[in-house]
Amino acid sequence: RRESLFLLIWFGVIFLFFTFSKGKRELYLLPLYPA
């Protein structure tokens, strides 16, 4: 559960942050790919 929660938070925080940001570039989504 701890490992799963880490992966879900890692993916979710980055995804939500860049979903709501006004300046969108594909380069900013690179930290999503490892998760």
PDB file of all heavy atoms in Angstrom:
ATOM      1  N   ARG A   1       0.827  -1.202   0.000  1.00  0.00           N
ATOM      2  CA  ARG A   1       0.000   0.000   0.000  1.00  0.00           C
ATOM      3  C   ARG A   1       0.864   1.255   0.000  1.00  0.00           C
ATOM      4  O   ARG A   1       0.554   2.222  -0.680  1.00  0.00           O
ATOM      5  CB  ARG A   1      -0.935  -0.021   1.191  1.00  0.00           C
ATOM      6  CG  ARG A   1      -1.914   1.106   1.191  1.00  0.00           C
ATOM      7  CD  ARG A   1      -2.808   1.036   2.420  1.00  0.00           C
ATOM      8  NE  ARG A   1      -3.756   2.099   2.345  1.00  0.00           N
ATOM      9  CZ  ARG A   1      -5.042   1.924   2.126  1.00  0.00           C
ATOM     10  NH1 ARG A   1      -5.514   0.731   1.969  1.00  0.00           N
ATOM     11  NH2 ARG A   1      -5.846   2.949   2.078  1.00  0.00           N
ATOM     12  N   ARG A   2       1.940   1.221   0.736  1.00  0.00           N
ATOM     13  CA  ARG A   2       2.844   2.380   0.798  1.00  0.00           C
ATOM     14  C   ARG A   2       3.492   2.639  -0.559  1.00  0.00           C
ATOM     15  O   ARG A   2       3.574   3.772  -1.016  1.00  0.00           O
ATOM     16  CB  ARG A   2       3.913   2.138   1.858  1.00  0.00           C
ATOM     17  CG  ARG A   2       4.731   3.370   2.165  1.00  0.00           C
ATOM     18  CD  ARG A   2       5.672   3.126   3.289  1.00  0.00           C
ATOM     19  NE  ARG A   2       4.911   2.787   4.488  1.00  0.00           N
ATOM     20  CZ  ARG A   2       5.426   2.245   5.568  1.00  0.00           C
ATOM     21  NH1 ARG A   2       6.699   1.948   5.617  1.00  0.00           N
ATOM     22  NH2 ARG A   2       4.684   1.973   6.611  1.00  0.00           N
ATOM     23  N   GLU A   3       3.939   1.572  -1.225  1.00  0.00           N
ATOM     24  CA  GLU A   3       4.531   1.717  -2.552  1.00  0.00           C
ATOM     25  C   GLU A   3       3.504   2.207  -3.568  1.00  0.00           C
ATOM     26  O   GLU A   3       3.789   3.069  -4.389  1.00  0.00           O
ATOM     27  CB  GLU A   3       5.106   0.385  -3.018  1.00  0.00           C
ATOM     28  CG  GLU A   3       6.268  -0.094  -2.201  1.00  0.00           C
ATOM     29  CD  GLU A   3       6.615  -1.529  -2.494  1.00  0.00           C
ATOM     30  OE1 GLU A   3       5.951  -2.152  -3.333  1.00  0.00           O
ATOM     31  OE2 GLU A   3       7.566  -2.033  -1.880  1.00  0.00           O
ATOM     32  N   SER A   4       2.314   1.648  -3.490  1.00  0.00           N
ATOM     33  CA  SER A   4       1.246   2.047  -4.417  1.00  0.00           C
ATOM     34  C   SER A   4       0.853   3.497  -4.200  1.00  0.00           C
ATOM     35  O   SER A   4       0.643   4.242  -5.149  1.00  0.00           O
ATOM     36  CB  SER A   4       0.024   1.154  -4.227  1.00  0.00           C
ATOM     37  OG  SER A   4       0.339  -0.178  -4.467  1.00  0.00           O
ATOM     38  N   LEU A   5       0.752   3.890  -2.943  1.00  0.00           N
ATOM     39  CA  LEU A   5       0.382   5.264  -2.632  1.00  0.00           C
ATOM     40  C   LEU A   5       1.446   6.241  -3.130  1.00  0.00           C
ATOM     41  O   LEU A   5       1.112   7.303  -3.654  1.00  0.00           O
ATOM     42  CB  LEU A   5       0.179   5.419  -1.127  1.00  0.00           C
ATOM     43  CG  LEU A   5      -0.404   6.730  -0.650  1.00  0.00           C
ATOM     44  CD1 LEU A   5      -1.791   6.946  -1.253  1.00  0.00           C
ATOM     45  CD2 LEU A   5      -0.474   6.747   0.858  1.00  0.00           C
ATOM     46  N   PHE A   6       2.715   5.868  -3.003  1.00  0.00           N
ATOM     47  CA  PHE A   6       3.796   6.713  -3.507  1.00  0.00           C
ATOM     48  C   PHE A   6       3.664   6.919  -5.010  1.00  0.00           C
ATOM     49  O   PHE A   6       3.758   8.045  -5.509  1.00  0.00           O
ATOM     50  CB  PHE A   6       5.157   6.097  -3.167  1.00  0.00           C
ATOM     51  CG  PHE A   6       6.304   6.821  -3.804  1.00  0.00           C
ATOM     52  CD1 PHE A   6       6.690   8.067  -3.346  1.00  0.00           C
ATOM     53  CD2 PHE A   6       6.987   6.266  -4.871  1.00  0.00           C
ATOM     54  CE1 PHE A   6       7.739   8.750  -3.939  1.00  0.00           C
ATOM     55  CE2 PHE A   6       8.037   6.930  -5.467  1.00  0.00           C
ATOM     56  CZ  PHE A   6       8.417   8.171  -4.994  1.00  0.00           C
ATOM     57  N   LEU A   7       3.423   5.841  -5.756  1.00  0.00           N
ATOM     58  CA  LEU A   7       3.294   5.956  -7.210  1.00  0.00           C
ATOM     59  C   LEU A   7       2.079   6.784  -7.607  1.00  0.00           C
ATOM     60  O   LEU A   7       2.146   7.607  -8.520  1.00  0.00           O
ATOM     61  CB  LEU A   7       3.203   4.566  -7.836  1.00  0.00           C
ATOM     62  CG  LEU A   7       4.484   3.758  -7.844  1.00  0.00           C
ATOM     63  CD1 LEU A   7       4.204   2.342  -8.317  1.00  0.00           C
ATOM     64  CD2 LEU A   7       5.526   4.416  -8.712  1.00  0.00           C
ATOM     65  N   LEU A   8       0.962   6.563  -6.922  1.00  0.00           N
ATOM     66  CA  LEU A   8      -0.243   7.313  -7.259  1.00  0.00           C
ATOM     67  C   LEU A   8      -0.104   8.794  -6.940  1.00  0.00           C
ATOM     68  O   LEU A   8      -0.560   9.652  -7.703  1.00  0.00           O
ATOM     69  CB  LEU A   8      -1.451   6.716  -6.533  1.00  0.00           C
ATOM     70  CG  LEU A   8      -1.880   5.332  -7.011  1.00  0.00           C
ATOM     71  CD1 LEU A   8      -2.973   4.768  -6.114  1.00  0.00           C
ATOM     72  CD2 LEU A   8      -2.335   5.379  -8.446  1.00  0.00           C
ATOM     73  N   ILE A   9       0.536   9.116  -5.829  1.00  0.00           N
ATOM     74  CA  ILE A   9       0.748  10.528  -5.474  1.00  0.00           C
ATOM     75  C   ILE A   9       1.732  11.170  -6.445  1.00  0.00           C
ATOM     76  O   ILE A   9       1.518  12.304  -6.886  1.00  0.00           O
ATOM     77  CB  ILE A   9       1.230  10.660  -4.018  1.00  0.00           C
ATOM     78  CG1 ILE A   9       0.070  10.325  -3.073  1.00  0.00           C
ATOM     79  CG2 ILE A   9       1.755  12.048  -3.729  1.00  0.00           C
ATOM     80  CD1 ILE A   9       0.468  10.272  -1.614  1.00  0.00           C
ATOM     81  N   TRP A  10       2.799  10.469  -6.783  1.00  0.00           N
ATOM     82  CA  TRP A  10       3.782  10.975  -7.738  1.00  0.00           C
ATOM     83  C   TRP A  10       3.110  11.320  -9.054  1.00  0.00           C
ATOM     84  O   TRP A  10       3.275  12.419  -9.587  1.00  0.00           O
ATOM     85  CB  TRP A  10       4.863   9.926  -7.926  1.00  0.00           C
ATOM     86  CG  TRP A  10       5.957  10.231  -8.906  1.00  0.00           C
ATOM     87  CD1 TRP A  10       6.217  11.415  -9.526  1.00  0.00           C
ATOM     88  CD2 TRP A  10       6.949   9.320  -9.362  1.00  0.00           C
ATOM     89  NE1 TRP A  10       7.313  11.292 -10.352  1.00  0.00           N
ATOM     90  CE2 TRP A  10       7.784  10.016 -10.267  1.00  0.00           C
ATOM     91  CE3 TRP A  10       7.222   7.991  -9.096  1.00  0.00           C
ATOM     92  CZ2 TRP A  10       8.851   9.405 -10.894  1.00  0.00           C
ATOM     93  CZ3 TRP A  10       8.302   7.402  -9.725  1.00  0.00           C
ATOM     94  CH2 TRP A  10       9.096   8.107 -10.608  1.00  0.00           C
ATOM     95  N   PHE A  11       2.330  10.405  -9.589  1.00  0.00           N
ATOM     96  CA  PHE A  11       1.655  10.641 -10.858  1.00  0.00           C
ATOM     97  C   PHE A  11       0.573  11.709 -10.709  1.00  0.00           C
ATOM     98  O   PHE A  11       0.464  12.624 -11.530  1.00  0.00           O
ATOM     99  CB  PHE A  11       1.035   9.340 -11.378  1.00  0.00           C
ATOM    100  CG  PHE A  11       0.398   9.492 -12.719  1.00  0.00           C
ATOM    101  CD1 PHE A  11       1.171   9.438 -13.860  1.00  0.00           C
ATOM    102  CD2 PHE A  11      -0.956   9.709 -12.841  1.00  0.00           C
ATOM    103  CE1 PHE A  11       0.594   9.590 -15.109  1.00  0.00           C
ATOM    104  CE2 PHE A  11      -1.544   9.858 -14.081  1.00  0.00           C
ATOM    105  CZ  PHE A  11      -0.769   9.802 -15.216  1.00  0.00           C
ATOM    106  N   GLY A  12      -0.229  11.624  -9.666  1.00  0.00           N
ATOM    107  CA  GLY A  12      -1.366  12.528  -9.493  1.00  0.00           C
ATOM    108  C   GLY A  12      -0.982  13.981  -9.285  1.00  0.00           C
ATOM    109  O   GLY A  12      -1.592  14.879  -9.873  1.00  0.00           O
ATOM    110  N   VAL A  13       0.025  14.230  -8.467  1.00  0.00           N
ATOM    111  CA  VAL A  13       0.428  15.613  -8.182  1.00  0.00           C
ATOM    112  C   VAL A  13       0.956  16.295  -9.447  1.00  0.00           C
ATOM    113  O   VAL A  13       0.562  17.421  -9.770  1.00  0.00           O
ATOM    114  CB  VAL A  13       1.477  15.647  -7.050  1.00  0.00           C
ATOM    115  CG1 VAL A  13       2.143  16.998  -6.953  1.00  0.00           C
ATOM    116  CG2 VAL A  13       0.833  15.279  -5.733  1.00  0.00           C
ATOM    117  N   ILE A  14       1.815  15.613 -10.158  1.00  0.00           N
ATOM    118  CA  ILE A  14       2.373  16.219 -11.378  1.00  0.00           C
ATOM    119  C   ILE A  14       1.280  16.407 -12.430  1.00  0.00           C
ATOM    120  O   ILE A  14       1.202  17.450 -13.082  1.00  0.00           O
ATOM    121  CB  ILE A  14       3.532  15.370 -11.924  1.00  0.00           C
ATOM    122  CG1 ILE A  14       4.685  15.382 -10.917  1.00  0.00           C
ATOM    123  CG2 ILE A  14       4.006  15.881 -13.270  1.00  0.00           C
ATOM    124  CD1 ILE A  14       5.798  14.407 -11.238  1.00  0.00           C
ATOM    125  N   PHE A  15       0.422  15.404 -12.578  1.00  0.00           N
ATOM    126  CA  PHE A  15      -0.640  15.490 -13.573  1.00  0.00           C
ATOM    127  C   PHE A  15      -1.611  16.631 -13.257  1.00  0.00           C
ATOM    128  O   PHE A  15      -1.960  17.431 -14.125  1.00  0.00           O
ATOM    129  CB  PHE A  15      -1.402  14.161 -13.639  1.00  0.00           C
ATOM    130  CG  PHE A  15      -2.470  14.141 -14.671  1.00  0.00           C
ATOM    131  CD1 PHE A  15      -2.157  14.003 -16.011  1.00  0.00           C
ATOM    132  CD2 PHE A  15      -3.810  14.266 -14.311  1.00  0.00           C
ATOM    133  CE1 PHE A  15      -3.153  13.988 -16.972  1.00  0.00           C
ATOM    134  CE2 PHE A  15      -4.805  14.252 -15.257  1.00  0.00           C
ATOM    135  CZ  PHE A  15      -4.478  14.113 -16.594  1.00  0.00           C
ATOM    136  N   LEU A  16      -2.034  16.731 -11.998  1.00  0.00           N
ATOM    137  CA  LEU A  16      -2.964  17.803 -11.627  1.00  0.00           C
ATOM    138  C   LEU A  16      -2.317  19.181 -11.709  1.00  0.00           C
ATOM    139  O   LEU A  16      -2.960  20.145 -12.141  1.00  0.00           O
ATOM    140  CB  LEU A  16      -3.514  17.561 -10.221  1.00  0.00           C
ATOM    141  CG  LEU A  16      -4.481  16.396 -10.101  1.00  0.00           C
ATOM    142  CD1 LEU A  16      -4.855  16.184  -8.646  1.00  0.00           C
ATOM    143  CD2 LEU A  16      -5.715  16.632 -10.949  1.00  0.00           C
ATOM    144  N   PHE A  17      -1.065  19.294 -11.297  1.00  0.00           N
ATOM    145  CA  PHE A  17      -0.391  20.585 -11.350  1.00  0.00           C
ATOM    146  C   PHE A  17      -0.321  21.111 -12.774  1.00  0.00           C
ATOM    147  O   PHE A  17      -0.645  22.267 -13.040  1.00  0.00           O
ATOM    148  CB  PHE A  17       1.012  20.477 -10.750  1.00  0.00           C
ATOM    149  CG  PHE A  17       1.774  21.768 -10.807  1.00  0.00           C
ATOM    150  CD1 PHE A  17       1.495  22.789  -9.905  1.00  0.00           C
ATOM    151  CD2 PHE A  17       2.752  21.968 -11.764  1.00  0.00           C
ATOM    152  CE1 PHE A  17       2.197  23.987  -9.953  1.00  0.00           C
ATOM    153  CE2 PHE A  17       3.453  23.153 -11.823  1.00  0.00           C
ATOM    154  CZ  PHE A  17       3.170  24.160 -10.915  1.00  0.00           C
ATOM    155  N   PHE A  18       0.091  20.273 -13.698  1.00  0.00           N
ATOM    156  CA  PHE A  18       0.228  20.737 -15.077  1.00  0.00           C
ATOM    157  C   PHE A  18      -1.098  20.761 -15.827  1.00  0.00           C
ATOM    158  O   PHE A  18      -1.189  21.381 -16.883  1.00  0.00           O
ATOM    159  CB  PHE A  18       1.268  19.913 -15.823  1.00  0.00           C
ATOM    160  CG  PHE A  18       2.668  20.245 -15.380  1.00  0.00           C
ATOM    161  CD1 PHE A  18       3.435  19.318 -14.715  1.00  0.00           C
ATOM    162  CD2 PHE A  18       3.190  21.505 -15.601  1.00  0.00           C
ATOM    163  CE1 PHE A  18       4.711  19.633 -14.295  1.00  0.00           C
ATOM    164  CE2 PHE A  18       4.463  21.830 -15.183  1.00  0.00           C
ATOM    165  CZ  PHE A  18       5.223  20.884 -14.526  1.00  0.00           C
ATOM    166  N   THR A  19      -2.113  20.096 -15.298  1.00  0.00           N
ATOM    167  CA  THR A  19      -3.442  20.219 -15.893  1.00  0.00           C
ATOM    168  C   THR A  19      -4.011  21.605 -15.628  1.00  0.00           C
ATOM    169  O   THR A  19      -4.636  22.213 -16.503  1.00  0.00           O
ATOM    170  CB  THR A  19      -4.391  19.155 -15.322  1.00  0.00           C
ATOM    171  OG1 THR A  19      -3.885  17.866 -15.670  1.00  0.00           O
ATOM    172  CG2 THR A  19      -5.789  19.296 -15.879  1.00  0.00           C
ATOM    173  N   PHE A  20      -3.784  22.122 -14.421  1.00  0.00           N
ATOM    174  CA  PHE A  20      -4.342  23.419 -14.060  1.00  0.00           C
ATOM    175  C   PHE A  20      -3.438  24.604 -14.391  1.00  0.00           C
ATOM    176  O   PHE A  20      -3.863  25.753 -14.263  1.00  0.00           O
ATOM    177  CB  PHE A  20      -4.700  23.449 -12.577  1.00  0.00           C
ATOM    178  CG  PHE A  20      -5.817  22.510 -12.232  1.00  0.00           C
ATOM    179  CD1 PHE A  20      -5.635  21.497 -11.319  1.00  0.00           C
ATOM    180  CD2 PHE A  20      -7.053  22.629 -12.848  1.00  0.00           C
ATOM    181  CE1 PHE A  20      -6.658  20.633 -11.007  1.00  0.00           C
ATOM    182  CE2 PHE A  20      -8.084  21.765 -12.549  1.00  0.00           C
ATOM    183  CZ  PHE A  20      -7.883  20.759 -11.618  1.00  0.00           C
ATOM    184  N   SER A  21      -2.215  24.367 -14.806  1.00  0.00           N
ATOM    185  CA  SER A  21      -1.334  25.484 -15.135  1.00  0.00           C
ATOM    186  C   SER A  21      -1.705  26.063 -16.494  1.00  0.00           C
ATOM    187  O   SER A  21      -2.198  25.374 -17.374  1.00  0.00           O
ATOM    188  CB  SER A  21       0.130  25.033 -15.128  1.00  0.00           C
ATOM    189  OG  SER A  21       0.369  24.171 -16.197  1.00  0.00           O
ATOM    190  N   LYS A  22      -1.443  27.332 -16.647  1.00  0.00           N
ATOM    191  CA  LYS A  22      -1.811  28.017 -17.891  1.00  0.00           C
ATOM    192  C   LYS A  22      -0.792  27.773 -18.999  1.00  0.00           C
ATOM    193  O   LYS A  22      -1.150  27.666 -20.159  1.00  0.00           O
ATOM    194  CB  LYS A  22      -1.963  29.512 -17.638  1.00  0.00           C
ATOM    195  CG  LYS A  22      -3.135  29.807 -16.758  1.00  0.00           C
ATOM    196  CD  LYS A  22      -3.315  31.269 -16.543  1.00  0.00           C
ATOM    197  CE  LYS A  22      -4.505  31.486 -15.621  1.00  0.00           C
ATOM    198  NZ  LYS A  22      -4.852  32.863 -15.477  1.00  0.00           N
ATOM    199  N   GLY A  23       0.464  27.723 -18.672  1.00  0.00           N
ATOM    200  CA  GLY A  23       1.494  27.485 -19.681  1.00  0.00           C
ATOM    201  C   GLY A  23       1.733  25.992 -19.842  1.00  0.00           C
ATOM    202  O   GLY A  23       2.268  25.352 -18.958  1.00  0.00           O
ATOM    203  N   LYS A  24       1.329  25.445 -20.949  1.00  0.00           N
ATOM    204  CA  LYS A  24       1.465  24.008 -21.167  1.00  0.00           C
ATOM    205  C   LYS A  24       2.495  23.735 -22.260  1.00  0.00           C
ATOM    206  O   LYS A  24       2.411  24.265 -23.344  1.00  0.00           O
ATOM    207  CB  LYS A  24       0.122  23.416 -21.577  1.00  0.00           C
ATOM    208  CG  LYS A  24      -0.912  23.472 -20.483  1.00  0.00           C
ATOM    209  CD  LYS A  24      -2.149  22.757 -20.934  1.00  0.00           C
ATOM    210  CE  LYS A  24      -3.264  22.666 -19.971  1.00  0.00           C
ATOM    211  NZ  LYS A  24      -3.406  23.400 -18.848  1.00  0.00           N
ATOM    212  N   ARG A  25       3.445  22.888 -21.927  1.00  0.00           N
ATOM    213  CA  ARG A  25       4.431  22.412 -22.894  1.00  0.00           C
ATOM    214  C   ARG A  25       4.623  20.928 -22.653  1.00  0.00           C
ATOM    215  O   ARG A  25       4.559  20.456 -21.527  1.00  0.00           O
ATOM    216  CB  ARG A  25       5.766  23.122 -22.713  1.00  0.00           C
ATOM    217  CG  ARG A  25       5.725  24.572 -23.140  1.00  0.00           C
ATOM    218  CD  ARG A  25       7.082  25.212 -23.064  1.00  0.00           C
ATOM    219  NE  ARG A  25       8.026  24.497 -23.913  1.00  0.00           N
ATOM    220  CZ  ARG A  25       9.332  24.596 -23.781  1.00  0.00           C
ATOM    221  NH1 ARG A  25       9.842  25.367 -22.843  1.00  0.00           N
ATOM    222  NH2 ARG A  25      10.139  23.933 -24.575  1.00  0.00           N
ATOM    223  N   GLU A  26       4.887  20.192 -23.707  1.00  0.00           N
ATOM    224  CA  GLU A  26       5.068  18.755 -23.572  1.00  0.00           C
ATOM    225  C   GLU A  26       6.293  18.422 -22.727  1.00  0.00           C
ATOM    226  O   GLU A  26       6.341  17.399 -22.059  1.00  0.00           O
ATOM    227  CB  GLU A  26       5.190  18.101 -24.953  1.00  0.00           C
ATOM    228  CG  GLU A  26       3.923  18.159 -25.776  1.00  0.00           C
ATOM    229  CD  GLU A  26       3.759  19.490 -26.506  1.00  0.00           C
ATOM    230  OE1 GLU A  26       4.744  20.238 -26.659  1.00  0.00           O
ATOM    231  OE2 GLU A  26       2.623  19.774 -26.907  1.00  0.00           O
ATOM    232  N   LEU A  27       7.265  19.285 -22.742  1.00  0.00           N
ATOM    233  CA  LEU A  27       8.489  19.074 -21.987  1.00  0.00           C
ATOM    234  C   LEU A  27       8.216  18.998 -20.487  1.00  0.00           C
ATOM    235  O   LEU A  27       8.870  18.251 -19.766  1.00  0.00           O
ATOM    236  CB  LEU A  27       9.484  20.203 -22.292  1.00  0.00           C
ATOM    237  CG  LEU A  27      10.828  20.153 -21.603  1.00  0.00           C
ATOM    238  CD1 LEU A  27      11.607  18.942 -22.092  1.00  0.00           C
ATOM    239  CD2 LEU A  27      11.598  21.424 -21.875  1.00  0.00           C
ATOM    240  N   TYR A  28       7.227  19.744 -20.014  1.00  0.00           N
ATOM    241  CA  TYR A  28       6.915  19.766 -18.591  1.00  0.00           C
ATOM    242  C   TYR A  28       6.305  18.445 -18.112  1.00  0.00           C
ATOM    243  O   TYR A  28       6.309  18.174 -16.915  1.00  0.00           O
ATOM    244  CB  TYR A  28       5.957  20.900 -18.267  1.00  0.00           C
ATOM    245  CG  TYR A  28       6.526  22.268 -18.506  1.00  0.00           C
ATOM    246  CD1 TYR A  28       5.699  23.329 -18.823  1.00  0.00           C
ATOM    247  CD2 TYR A  28       7.886  22.515 -18.422  1.00  0.00           C
ATOM    248  CE1 TYR A  28       6.206  24.597 -19.048  1.00  0.00           C
ATOM    249  CE2 TYR A  28       8.403  23.779 -18.639  1.00  0.00           C
ATOM    250  CZ  TYR A  28       7.559  24.810 -18.958  1.00  0.00           C
ATOM    251  OH  TYR A  28       8.061  26.057 -19.174  1.00  0.00           O
ATOM    252  N   LEU A  29       5.780  17.649 -19.005  1.00  0.00           N
ATOM    253  CA  LEU A  29       5.153  16.389 -18.609  1.00  0.00           C
ATOM    254  C   LEU A  29       6.142  15.234 -18.514  1.00  0.00           C
ATOM    255  O   LEU A  29       5.752  14.117 -18.193  1.00  0.00           O
ATOM    256  CB  LEU A  29       4.036  16.032 -19.584  1.00  0.00           C
ATOM    257  CG  LEU A  29       2.865  17.011 -19.606  1.00  0.00           C
ATOM    258  CD1 LEU A  29       1.858  16.564 -20.637  1.00  0.00           C
ATOM    259  CD2 LEU A  29       2.221  17.117 -18.246  1.00  0.00           C
ATOM    260  N   LEU A  30       7.404  15.465 -18.781  1.00  0.00           N
ATOM    261  CA  LEU A  30       8.401  14.398 -18.726  1.00  0.00           C
ATOM    262  C   LEU A  30       8.483  13.700 -17.364  1.00  0.00           C
ATOM    263  O   LEU A  30       8.702  12.493 -17.319  1.00  0.00           O
ATOM    264  CB  LEU A  30       9.772  14.918 -19.136  1.00  0.00           C
ATOM    265  CG  LEU A  30       9.973  15.124 -20.630  1.00  0.00           C
ATOM    266  CD1 LEU A  30      11.360  15.694 -20.886  1.00  0.00           C
ATOM    267  CD2 LEU A  30       9.789  13.837 -21.388  1.00  0.00           C
ATOM    268  N   PRO A  31       8.306  14.384 -16.223  1.00  0.00           N
ATOM    269  CA  PRO A  31       8.345  13.656 -14.945  1.00  0.00           C
ATOM    270  C   PRO A  31       7.194  12.671 -14.765  1.00  0.00           C
ATOM    271  O   PRO A  31       7.245  11.833 -13.871  1.00  0.00           O
ATOM    272  CB  PRO A  31       8.268  14.761 -13.888  1.00  0.00           C
ATOM    273  CG  PRO A  31       8.737  15.978 -14.564  1.00  0.00           C
ATOM    274  CD  PRO A  31       8.337  15.842 -15.996  1.00  0.00           C
ATOM    275  N   LEU A  32       6.169  12.739 -15.592  1.00  0.00           N
ATOM    276  CA  LEU A  32       5.065  11.775 -15.500  1.00  0.00           C
ATOM    277  C   LEU A  32       5.447  10.410 -16.041  1.00  0.00           C
ATOM    278  O   LEU A  32       4.928   9.393 -15.584  1.00  0.00           O
ATOM    279  CB  LEU A  32       3.858  12.274 -16.308  1.00  0.00           C
ATOM    280  CG  LEU A  32       2.941  13.263 -15.659  1.00  0.00           C
ATOM    281  CD1 LEU A  32       1.845  13.648 -16.627  1.00  0.00           C
ATOM    282  CD2 LEU A  32       2.346  12.703 -14.406  1.00  0.00           C
ATOM    283  N   TYR A  33       6.309  10.355 -17.023  1.00  0.00           N
ATOM    284  CA  TYR A  33       6.599   9.104 -17.713  1.00  0.00           C
ATOM    285  C   TYR A  33       7.229   8.028 -16.830  1.00  0.00           C
ATOM    286  O   TYR A  33       6.849   6.863 -16.940  1.00  0.00           O
ATOM    287  CB  TYR A  33       7.444   9.350 -18.958  1.00  0.00           C
ATOM    288  CG  TYR A  33       6.698  10.123 -20.011  1.00  0.00           C
ATOM    289  CD1 TYR A  33       7.263  11.214 -20.633  1.00  0.00           C
ATOM    290  CD2 TYR A  33       5.400   9.773 -20.376  1.00  0.00           C
ATOM    291  CE1 TYR A  33       6.566  11.929 -21.601  1.00  0.00           C
ATOM    292  CE2 TYR A  33       4.704  10.474 -21.335  1.00  0.00           C
ATOM    293  CZ  TYR A  33       5.296  11.555 -21.948  1.00  0.00           C
ATOM    294  OH  TYR A  33       4.605  12.254 -22.886  1.00  0.00           O
ATOM    295  N   PRO A  34       8.182   8.345 -15.962  1.00  0.00           N
ATOM    296  CA  PRO A  34       8.700   7.279 -15.095  1.00  0.00           C
ATOM    297  C   PRO A  34       7.636   6.693 -14.165  1.00  0.00           C
ATOM    298  O   PRO A  34       7.555   5.481 -14.002  1.00  0.00           O
ATOM    299  CB  PRO A  34       9.814   7.952 -14.294  1.00  0.00           C
ATOM    300  CG  PRO A  34      10.208   9.127 -15.082  1.00  0.00           C
ATOM    301  CD  PRO A  34       8.970   9.582 -15.808  1.00  0.00           C
ATOM    302  N   ALA A  35       6.812   7.553 -13.577  1.00  0.00           N
ATOM    303  CA  ALA A  35       5.756   7.053 -12.696  1.00  0.00           C
ATOM    304  C   ALA A  35       4.756   6.208 -13.478  1.00  0.00           C
ATOM    305  O   ALA A  35       4.347   5.132 -13.020  1.00  0.00           O
ATOM    306  CB  ALA A  35       5.036   8.224 -12.019  1.00  0.00           C
TER     307      ALA A  35
END
